[in-house]
Each structure stands twice: as structure tokens, then as C-alpha cells.
N, C-alpha and C. Protein backbone atom coordinates (compact mmCIF):
# COMPACT_ATOMS: atom_id res chain seq x y z
N MET A 1 16.41 176.39 170.84
CA MET A 1 16.31 175.18 171.63
C MET A 1 16.67 173.98 170.75
N VAL A 2 17.46 173.07 171.32
CA VAL A 2 17.87 171.87 170.59
C VAL A 2 17.74 170.66 171.50
N THR A 3 17.51 169.51 170.90
CA THR A 3 17.43 168.27 171.67
C THR A 3 18.84 167.77 171.95
N LEU A 4 19.14 167.60 173.22
CA LEU A 4 20.44 167.07 173.63
C LEU A 4 20.44 165.55 173.55
N VAL A 5 19.40 164.93 174.05
CA VAL A 5 19.32 163.47 174.07
C VAL A 5 17.86 163.06 174.23
N CYS A 6 17.51 161.87 173.73
CA CYS A 6 16.19 161.28 173.92
C CYS A 6 16.36 159.98 174.70
N VAL A 7 15.51 159.80 175.69
CA VAL A 7 15.50 158.55 176.47
C VAL A 7 14.06 158.08 176.59
N ASN A 8 13.87 156.82 176.94
CA ASN A 8 12.52 156.28 177.11
C ASN A 8 12.13 156.08 178.56
N ASN A 9 12.99 156.47 179.46
CA ASN A 9 12.76 156.24 180.88
C ASN A 9 12.66 157.59 181.59
N PRO A 10 11.52 157.90 182.22
CA PRO A 10 11.38 159.19 182.89
C PRO A 10 12.35 159.38 184.05
N VAL A 11 12.74 158.31 184.71
CA VAL A 11 13.71 158.41 185.80
C VAL A 11 15.08 158.79 185.24
N GLU A 12 15.47 158.17 184.15
CA GLU A 12 16.73 158.51 183.51
C GLU A 12 16.73 159.97 183.05
N ALA A 13 15.59 160.42 182.54
CA ALA A 13 15.47 161.82 182.11
C ALA A 13 15.67 162.76 183.30
N GLU A 14 15.08 162.44 184.44
CA GLU A 14 15.23 163.28 185.63
C GLU A 14 16.68 163.31 186.12
N ILE A 15 17.37 162.19 186.03
CA ILE A 15 18.78 162.14 186.45
C ILE A 15 19.63 163.03 185.54
N ILE A 16 19.40 162.92 184.23
CA ILE A 16 20.15 163.74 183.28
C ILE A 16 19.88 165.21 183.53
N MET A 17 18.60 165.57 183.71
CA MET A 17 18.26 166.97 183.94
C MET A 17 18.86 167.49 185.24
N ALA A 18 18.91 166.67 186.27
CA ALA A 18 19.52 167.08 187.54
C ALA A 18 21.02 167.34 187.37
N ARG A 19 21.69 166.49 186.60
CA ARG A 19 23.12 166.69 186.34
C ARG A 19 23.37 168.00 185.61
N LEU A 20 22.52 168.29 184.64
CA LEU A 20 22.68 169.53 183.88
C LEU A 20 22.37 170.75 184.74
N ARG A 21 21.32 170.67 185.52
CA ARG A 21 20.97 171.78 186.40
C ARG A 21 22.07 172.05 187.43
N SER A 22 22.68 170.98 187.92
CA SER A 22 23.76 171.17 188.90
C SER A 22 24.98 171.82 188.26
N ALA A 23 25.09 171.72 186.94
CA ALA A 23 26.16 172.39 186.20
C ALA A 23 25.76 173.81 185.79
N GLY A 24 24.55 174.23 186.20
CA GLY A 24 24.10 175.58 185.89
C GLY A 24 23.51 175.75 184.50
N ILE A 25 23.11 174.65 183.88
CA ILE A 25 22.57 174.69 182.52
C ILE A 25 21.05 174.58 182.59
N PRO A 26 20.33 175.57 182.07
CA PRO A 26 18.86 175.46 182.01
C PRO A 26 18.47 174.30 181.09
N VAL A 27 17.54 173.50 181.53
CA VAL A 27 17.16 172.31 180.77
C VAL A 27 15.65 172.13 180.83
N TYR A 28 15.10 171.57 179.75
CA TYR A 28 13.67 171.36 179.65
C TYR A 28 13.41 169.92 179.20
N ASN A 29 12.24 169.41 179.57
CA ASN A 29 11.87 168.05 179.21
C ASN A 29 10.58 168.09 178.40
N LYS A 30 10.65 167.60 177.19
CA LYS A 30 9.46 167.46 176.35
C LYS A 30 9.14 165.98 176.30
N HIS A 31 7.95 165.63 176.76
CA HIS A 31 7.62 164.21 176.80
C HIS A 31 6.20 163.95 176.30
N GLU A 32 6.00 162.75 175.91
CA GLU A 32 4.70 162.29 175.43
C GLU A 32 3.91 161.85 176.66
N ALA A 33 2.74 162.43 176.88
CA ALA A 33 2.00 162.25 178.13
C ALA A 33 1.43 160.84 178.32
N ALA A 34 0.89 160.23 177.30
CA ALA A 34 0.23 158.93 177.47
C ALA A 34 1.21 157.87 177.98
N GLY A 35 2.42 157.89 177.47
CA GLY A 35 3.42 156.93 177.93
C GLY A 35 3.75 157.10 179.39
N THR A 36 3.77 158.34 179.86
CA THR A 36 4.03 158.62 181.27
C THR A 36 2.87 158.13 182.14
N VAL A 37 1.67 158.38 181.70
CA VAL A 37 0.48 157.99 182.47
C VAL A 37 0.35 156.47 182.56
N TYR A 38 0.55 155.79 181.43
CA TYR A 38 0.36 154.35 181.39
C TYR A 38 1.64 153.54 181.61
N GLY A 39 2.77 154.20 181.66
CA GLY A 39 4.03 153.50 181.89
C GLY A 39 4.49 152.67 180.70
N ILE A 40 4.10 153.06 179.51
CA ILE A 40 4.44 152.32 178.29
C ILE A 40 5.59 153.03 177.59
N THR A 41 6.58 152.25 177.18
CA THR A 41 7.73 152.84 176.48
C THR A 41 7.98 152.16 175.14
N VAL A 42 6.90 151.89 174.41
CA VAL A 42 6.98 151.22 173.12
C VAL A 42 6.49 152.16 172.03
N ASP A 43 7.14 152.13 170.87
CA ASP A 43 6.70 152.93 169.72
C ASP A 43 6.63 154.43 170.01
N GLY A 44 7.57 154.93 170.75
CA GLY A 44 7.61 156.37 171.01
C GLY A 44 6.83 156.81 172.23
N LEU A 45 5.99 155.93 172.78
CA LEU A 45 5.30 156.29 174.01
C LEU A 45 6.33 156.29 175.14
N GLY A 46 6.28 157.29 175.96
CA GLY A 46 7.24 157.41 177.04
C GLY A 46 8.53 158.12 176.64
N LYS A 47 8.61 158.55 175.39
CA LYS A 47 9.81 159.23 174.92
C LYS A 47 9.99 160.54 175.68
N GLN A 48 11.21 160.78 176.16
CA GLN A 48 11.56 161.97 176.90
C GLN A 48 12.67 162.68 176.14
N GLU A 49 12.41 163.89 175.67
CA GLU A 49 13.43 164.69 175.00
C GLU A 49 14.02 165.68 175.99
N ILE A 50 15.32 165.63 176.17
CA ILE A 50 16.02 166.58 177.02
C ILE A 50 16.47 167.72 176.12
N ILE A 51 15.98 168.91 176.40
CA ILE A 51 16.19 170.06 175.52
C ILE A 51 16.98 171.14 176.25
N VAL A 52 17.95 171.71 175.55
CA VAL A 52 18.75 172.82 176.09
C VAL A 52 18.78 173.94 175.07
N ARG A 53 19.23 175.10 175.51
CA ARG A 53 19.40 176.21 174.56
C ARG A 53 20.57 175.87 173.64
N ALA A 54 20.48 176.33 172.40
CA ALA A 54 21.52 176.03 171.40
C ALA A 54 22.89 176.50 171.89
N GLU A 55 22.94 177.63 172.54
CA GLU A 55 24.23 178.15 173.01
C GLU A 55 24.80 177.35 174.18
N ASP A 56 23.99 176.49 174.81
CA ASP A 56 24.46 175.66 175.92
C ASP A 56 24.77 174.22 175.50
N LEU A 57 24.58 173.90 174.23
CA LEU A 57 24.69 172.52 173.77
C LEU A 57 26.06 171.91 174.06
N LEU A 58 27.13 172.56 173.70
CA LEU A 58 28.47 171.99 173.91
C LEU A 58 28.77 171.82 175.39
N GLU A 59 28.38 172.80 176.19
CA GLU A 59 28.61 172.71 177.64
C GLU A 59 27.79 171.56 178.24
N ALA A 60 26.55 171.37 177.76
CA ALA A 60 25.70 170.29 178.25
C ALA A 60 26.28 168.93 177.88
N GLN A 61 26.76 168.80 176.65
CA GLN A 61 27.37 167.53 176.23
C GLN A 61 28.60 167.24 177.09
N ALA A 62 29.40 168.24 177.36
CA ALA A 62 30.60 168.06 178.19
C ALA A 62 30.22 167.68 179.62
N ALA A 63 29.15 168.28 180.14
CA ALA A 63 28.72 167.98 181.51
C ALA A 63 28.29 166.52 181.63
N LEU A 64 27.64 165.99 180.61
CA LEU A 64 27.21 164.59 180.66
C LEU A 64 28.38 163.64 180.46
N GLU A 65 29.34 163.99 179.62
CA GLU A 65 30.48 163.12 179.36
C GLU A 65 31.43 163.04 180.54
N LYS A 66 31.62 164.11 181.27
CA LYS A 66 32.61 164.10 182.35
C LYS A 66 32.20 163.22 183.52
N ASP A 67 30.90 162.93 183.66
CA ASP A 67 30.44 162.10 184.77
C ASP A 67 30.41 160.62 184.45
N GLU A 68 30.70 160.24 183.19
CA GLU A 68 30.69 158.83 182.84
C GLU A 68 31.93 158.15 183.39
N CYS A 69 31.76 156.87 183.73
CA CYS A 69 32.89 156.09 184.29
C CYS A 69 33.77 155.56 183.18
């Protein structure tokens, strides 16, 4: 398992994960709970790590790049 990207916004994390899932890539979200509960995104609170399998990393990066404008 490797971290594909880190974001501080849970909504952004869900959008990224949905894009990856629609491409058929299994994806996981590791997040810090207190930031989610309190809505704080300072000093690492609210950090969302988008994690994929190492063998899917290149495909996941390509899936995110192809949708950019």
C-alpha cells in the first residue's frame, strides 16, 4: 500500500476516491478522526491520505491526470 495523495478536505478526498473507483482501482482513505469530527484542518487535523496498492500506483496517477482540465 502506498499513499497516492494527501488532502485536507474530506469532500475532495471523496471525489478523488470516486474517480479512482470508477476507473476500477481499489482505494482506501486513512484519515485523522478528530479533524473530521470537529471540522478542523490545521496542523494535520483533517488530513486525508488516499491510499492505493503499489501495483496500481501508476494507473491511479494516470486516472487523476487525465481528468484535469
